Amino acid sequence: MKYSDIKQAAREGRASVHLHGFCNLPDGGQEYCDDPELIDGWAIYVRVETPDDPQQPFDLHELPDHQTYVSAEGAARTIALQLLGDAEAWNHD
């Protein structure tokens, strides 16, 4: 997916920025985590609905992780404004 595709999806309301907690696994990996007591950091990603299959959105996971929710929320708002032109186009999953 090209950057121009993401911008077009944002104009059409098919793109949003998400943040979600993750926990570190003993093997060095990470997984999404909903338990606030276990969250080790926050992942931020851009989700774009794919026109051919809206049930399978395209996620960009290349954004830096954050250690605190406050930091992640600020980054999510900034990314939403820069990429999507709307500072409120973000979502806490």
N, C-alpha and C. Protein backbone atom coordinates (compact mmCIF):
# COMPACT_ATOMS: atom_id res chain seq x y z
N MET A 1 0.84 -1.17 0.00
CA MET A 1 0.00 0.00 0.00
C MET A 1 0.89 1.23 0.00
N LYS A 2 0.60 2.17 -0.87
CA LYS A 2 1.38 3.40 -0.98
C LYS A 2 0.84 4.47 -0.04
N TYR A 3 1.70 5.43 0.29
CA TYR A 3 1.29 6.53 1.15
C TYR A 3 0.09 7.26 0.56
N SER A 4 0.06 7.44 -0.76
CA SER A 4 -1.07 8.12 -1.40
C SER A 4 -2.37 7.33 -1.20
N ASP A 5 -2.27 6.00 -1.12
CA ASP A 5 -3.46 5.17 -0.85
C ASP A 5 -3.98 5.43 0.56
N ILE A 6 -3.05 5.59 1.50
CA ILE A 6 -3.44 5.86 2.88
C ILE A 6 -4.12 7.22 2.98
N LYS A 7 -3.53 8.23 2.33
CA LYS A 7 -4.13 9.57 2.35
C LYS A 7 -5.53 9.55 1.73
N GLN A 8 -5.69 8.81 0.63
CA GLN A 8 -7.00 8.72 0.00
C GLN A 8 -7.98 8.01 0.93
N ALA A 9 -7.55 6.94 1.57
CA ALA A 9 -8.41 6.22 2.51
C ALA A 9 -8.83 7.13 3.66
N ALA A 10 -7.90 7.97 4.13
CA ALA A 10 -8.22 8.90 5.21
C ALA A 10 -9.28 9.90 4.75
N ARG A 11 -9.15 10.41 3.53
CA ARG A 11 -10.15 11.34 3.01
C ARG A 11 -11.53 10.69 2.92
N GLU A 12 -11.54 9.40 2.69
CA GLU A 12 -12.80 8.67 2.56
C GLU A 12 -13.28 8.11 3.90
N GLY A 13 -12.56 8.39 4.98
CA GLY A 13 -12.95 7.90 6.29
C GLY A 13 -12.66 6.43 6.53
N ARG A 14 -11.71 5.86 5.77
CA ARG A 14 -11.38 4.44 5.89
C ARG A 14 -10.05 4.20 6.58
N ALA A 15 -9.49 5.21 7.24
CA ALA A 15 -8.21 5.05 7.91
C ALA A 15 -8.29 5.67 9.31
N SER A 16 -7.60 5.04 10.25
CA SER A 16 -7.56 5.57 11.60
C SER A 16 -6.27 5.10 12.27
N VAL A 17 -5.88 5.82 13.32
CA VAL A 17 -4.71 5.47 14.11
C VAL A 17 -5.20 4.78 15.38
N HIS A 18 -4.57 3.66 15.72
CA HIS A 18 -4.97 2.89 16.90
C HIS A 18 -3.81 2.75 17.86
N LEU A 19 -4.11 2.65 19.15
CA LEU A 19 -3.08 2.29 20.10
C LEU A 19 -3.63 1.19 20.99
N HIS A 20 -2.75 0.28 21.35
CA HIS A 20 -3.16 -0.89 22.11
C HIS A 20 -2.02 -1.32 23.02
N GLY A 21 -2.35 -1.74 24.23
CA GLY A 21 -1.34 -2.21 25.16
C GLY A 21 -0.74 -3.54 24.71
N PHE A 22 0.51 -3.75 25.09
CA PHE A 22 1.15 -5.04 24.82
C PHE A 22 1.92 -5.47 26.06
N CYS A 23 2.16 -6.76 26.16
CA CYS A 23 3.01 -7.28 27.24
C CYS A 23 4.17 -8.06 26.63
N ASN A 24 5.29 -8.01 27.31
CA ASN A 24 6.49 -8.73 26.86
C ASN A 24 6.38 -10.18 27.32
N LEU A 25 6.74 -11.09 26.44
CA LEU A 25 6.71 -12.52 26.74
C LEU A 25 8.07 -13.01 27.19
N PRO A 26 8.11 -14.09 27.96
CA PRO A 26 9.40 -14.62 28.44
C PRO A 26 10.38 -14.96 27.32
N ASP A 27 9.85 -15.33 26.13
CA ASP A 27 10.74 -15.68 25.02
C ASP A 27 11.26 -14.47 24.25
N GLY A 28 10.93 -13.25 24.73
CA GLY A 28 11.39 -12.03 24.09
C GLY A 28 10.39 -11.44 23.12
N GLY A 29 9.32 -12.15 22.83
CA GLY A 29 8.28 -11.64 21.94
C GLY A 29 7.32 -10.72 22.67
N GLN A 30 6.31 -10.28 21.96
CA GLN A 30 5.27 -9.42 22.53
C GLN A 30 3.92 -9.91 22.04
N GLU A 31 2.88 -9.61 22.84
CA GLU A 31 1.51 -9.87 22.39
C GLU A 31 0.61 -8.77 22.95
N TYR A 32 -0.51 -8.57 22.26
CA TYR A 32 -1.47 -7.57 22.73
C TYR A 32 -1.97 -7.97 24.10
N CYS A 33 -2.26 -6.98 24.93
CA CYS A 33 -2.65 -7.24 26.31
C CYS A 33 -3.74 -6.24 26.71
N ASP A 34 -4.80 -6.74 27.32
CA ASP A 34 -5.89 -5.88 27.77
C ASP A 34 -5.88 -5.64 29.28
N ASP A 35 -5.05 -6.38 30.01
CA ASP A 35 -4.99 -6.26 31.47
C ASP A 35 -4.04 -5.12 31.84
N PRO A 36 -4.57 -4.02 32.40
CA PRO A 36 -3.71 -2.87 32.73
C PRO A 36 -2.55 -3.22 33.66
N GLU A 37 -2.70 -4.23 34.48
CA GLU A 37 -1.63 -4.64 35.40
C GLU A 37 -0.46 -5.29 34.67
N LEU A 38 -0.71 -5.84 33.49
CA LEU A 38 0.32 -6.57 32.75
C LEU A 38 0.93 -5.80 31.59
N ILE A 39 0.36 -4.65 31.25
CA ILE A 39 0.83 -3.89 30.08
C ILE A 39 2.24 -3.36 30.31
N ASP A 40 3.13 -3.69 29.36
CA ASP A 40 4.51 -3.22 29.42
C ASP A 40 4.75 -2.00 28.53
N GLY A 41 3.86 -1.74 27.60
CA GLY A 41 4.02 -0.62 26.70
C GLY A 41 2.82 -0.51 25.78
N TRP A 42 2.88 0.44 24.85
CA TRP A 42 1.76 0.73 23.96
C TRP A 42 2.23 0.72 22.52
N ALA A 43 1.52 -0.02 21.69
CA ALA A 43 1.80 -0.08 20.25
C ALA A 43 0.86 0.89 19.54
N ILE A 44 1.39 1.56 18.54
CA ILE A 44 0.59 2.48 17.72
C ILE A 44 0.65 1.98 16.29
N TYR A 45 -0.50 1.93 15.64
CA TYR A 45 -0.54 1.50 14.25
C TYR A 45 -1.64 2.22 13.50
N VAL A 46 -1.45 2.33 12.20
CA VAL A 46 -2.45 2.92 11.32
C VAL A 46 -3.22 1.77 10.69
N ARG A 47 -4.54 1.85 10.77
CA ARG A 47 -5.39 0.81 10.16
C ARG A 47 -6.12 1.44 8.98
N VAL A 48 -6.02 0.76 7.84
CA VAL A 48 -6.69 1.22 6.63
C VAL A 48 -7.59 0.10 6.14
N GLU A 49 -8.88 0.39 5.98
CA GLU A 49 -9.78 -0.60 5.40
C GLU A 49 -9.37 -0.85 3.96
N THR A 50 -9.37 -2.09 3.56
CA THR A 50 -9.06 -2.41 2.17
C THR A 50 -10.36 -2.45 1.39
N PRO A 51 -10.45 -1.73 0.29
CA PRO A 51 -11.71 -1.65 -0.46
C PRO A 51 -12.21 -2.99 -0.96
N ASP A 52 -11.30 -3.90 -1.29
CA ASP A 52 -11.71 -5.19 -1.81
C ASP A 52 -12.22 -6.13 -0.73
N ASP A 53 -11.80 -5.92 0.53
CA ASP A 53 -12.21 -6.80 1.61
C ASP A 53 -12.20 -6.03 2.93
N PRO A 54 -13.31 -5.33 3.26
CA PRO A 54 -13.35 -4.52 4.47
C PRO A 54 -13.19 -5.33 5.76
N GLN A 55 -13.36 -6.64 5.69
CA GLN A 55 -13.18 -7.48 6.87
C GLN A 55 -11.71 -7.73 7.17
N GLN A 56 -10.82 -7.44 6.22
CA GLN A 56 -9.38 -7.66 6.39
C GLN A 56 -8.65 -6.33 6.23
N PRO A 57 -8.65 -5.49 7.28
CA PRO A 57 -7.95 -4.20 7.15
C PRO A 57 -6.44 -4.39 7.06
N PHE A 58 -5.81 -3.39 6.52
CA PHE A 58 -4.36 -3.37 6.35
C PHE A 58 -3.78 -2.54 7.50
N ASP A 59 -2.94 -3.12 8.32
CA ASP A 59 -2.33 -2.41 9.44
C ASP A 59 -0.87 -2.13 9.15
N LEU A 60 -0.44 -0.92 9.47
CA LEU A 60 0.97 -0.55 9.40
C LEU A 60 1.50 -0.59 10.83
N HIS A 61 2.43 -1.46 11.11
CA HIS A 61 2.95 -1.61 12.47
C HIS A 61 4.35 -1.02 12.61
N GLU A 62 4.71 -0.12 11.75
CA GLU A 62 6.07 0.40 11.74
C GLU A 62 6.26 1.63 12.61
N LEU A 63 5.33 1.88 13.51
CA LEU A 63 5.43 3.06 14.35
C LEU A 63 6.06 2.69 15.69
N PRO A 64 6.85 3.59 16.28
CA PRO A 64 7.56 3.26 17.53
C PRO A 64 6.60 2.97 18.68
N ASP A 65 7.00 2.03 19.54
CA ASP A 65 6.23 1.73 20.75
C ASP A 65 6.48 2.81 21.80
N HIS A 66 5.56 2.90 22.75
CA HIS A 66 5.68 3.87 23.85
C HIS A 66 5.51 3.16 25.17
N GLN A 67 6.23 3.63 26.19
CA GLN A 67 6.18 2.98 27.50
C GLN A 67 4.99 3.41 28.34
N THR A 68 4.44 4.61 28.10
CA THR A 68 3.31 5.08 28.89
C THR A 68 2.13 5.40 27.98
N TYR A 69 0.93 5.30 28.56
CA TYR A 69 -0.27 5.62 27.80
C TYR A 69 -0.28 7.09 27.39
N VAL A 70 0.13 7.96 28.29
CA VAL A 70 0.12 9.40 28.00
C VAL A 70 1.00 9.71 26.79
N SER A 71 2.18 9.12 26.76
CA SER A 71 3.08 9.32 25.62
C SER A 71 2.47 8.76 24.34
N ALA A 72 1.87 7.57 24.43
CA ALA A 72 1.27 6.93 23.26
C ALA A 72 0.08 7.73 22.74
N GLU A 73 -0.74 8.25 23.66
CA GLU A 73 -1.90 9.05 23.23
C GLU A 73 -1.46 10.31 22.49
N GLY A 74 -0.45 10.99 23.03
CA GLY A 74 0.06 12.19 22.36
C GLY A 74 0.61 11.87 20.98
N ALA A 75 1.35 10.76 20.87
CA ALA A 75 1.89 10.35 19.58
C ALA A 75 0.78 9.96 18.62
N ALA A 76 -0.24 9.27 19.12
CA ALA A 76 -1.36 8.86 18.26
C ALA A 76 -2.09 10.09 17.70
N ARG A 77 -2.30 11.08 18.53
CA ARG A 77 -2.95 12.31 18.06
C ARG A 77 -2.09 13.01 17.00
N THR A 78 -0.79 13.08 17.24
CA THR A 78 0.12 13.72 16.29
C THR A 78 0.13 12.97 14.96
N ILE A 79 0.22 11.64 15.04
CA ILE A 79 0.23 10.83 13.82
C ILE A 79 -1.09 10.98 13.06
N ALA A 80 -2.20 10.98 13.80
CA ALA A 80 -3.51 11.14 13.16
C ALA A 80 -3.59 12.48 12.44
N LEU A 81 -3.07 13.52 13.05
CA LEU A 81 -3.09 14.84 12.43
C LEU A 81 -2.18 14.88 11.20
N GLN A 82 -0.98 14.33 11.32
CA GLN A 82 -0.03 14.36 10.21
C GLN A 82 -0.47 13.47 9.05
N LEU A 83 -0.86 12.24 9.33
CA LEU A 83 -1.20 11.30 8.26
C LEU A 83 -2.62 11.45 7.76
N LEU A 84 -3.55 11.73 8.67
CA LEU A 84 -4.96 11.71 8.31
C LEU A 84 -5.61 13.09 8.28
N GLY A 85 -4.89 14.10 8.80
CA GLY A 85 -5.44 15.44 8.80
C GLY A 85 -6.49 15.67 9.86
N ASP A 86 -6.57 14.78 10.87
CA ASP A 86 -7.58 14.88 11.92
C ASP A 86 -6.99 14.36 13.22
N ALA A 87 -6.74 15.25 14.18
CA ALA A 87 -6.11 14.84 15.43
C ALA A 87 -7.00 13.92 16.26
N GLU A 88 -8.28 13.83 15.94
CA GLU A 88 -9.19 12.95 16.68
C GLU A 88 -9.42 11.63 15.97
N ALA A 89 -8.72 11.38 14.87
CA ALA A 89 -8.90 10.13 14.12
C ALA A 89 -8.03 9.02 14.67
N TRP A 90 -8.10 8.84 15.99
CA TRP A 90 -7.35 7.78 16.63
C TRP A 90 -8.28 7.04 17.57
N ASN A 91 -7.89 5.86 17.97
CA ASN A 91 -8.74 4.97 18.72
C ASN A 91 -7.93 4.19 19.73
N HIS A 92 -8.41 4.14 20.97
CA HIS A 92 -7.78 3.27 21.97
C HIS A 92 -8.57 1.97 21.97
N ASP A 93 -7.96 0.91 21.48
CA ASP A 93 -8.65 -0.39 21.38
C ASP A 93 -8.78 -1.01 22.74
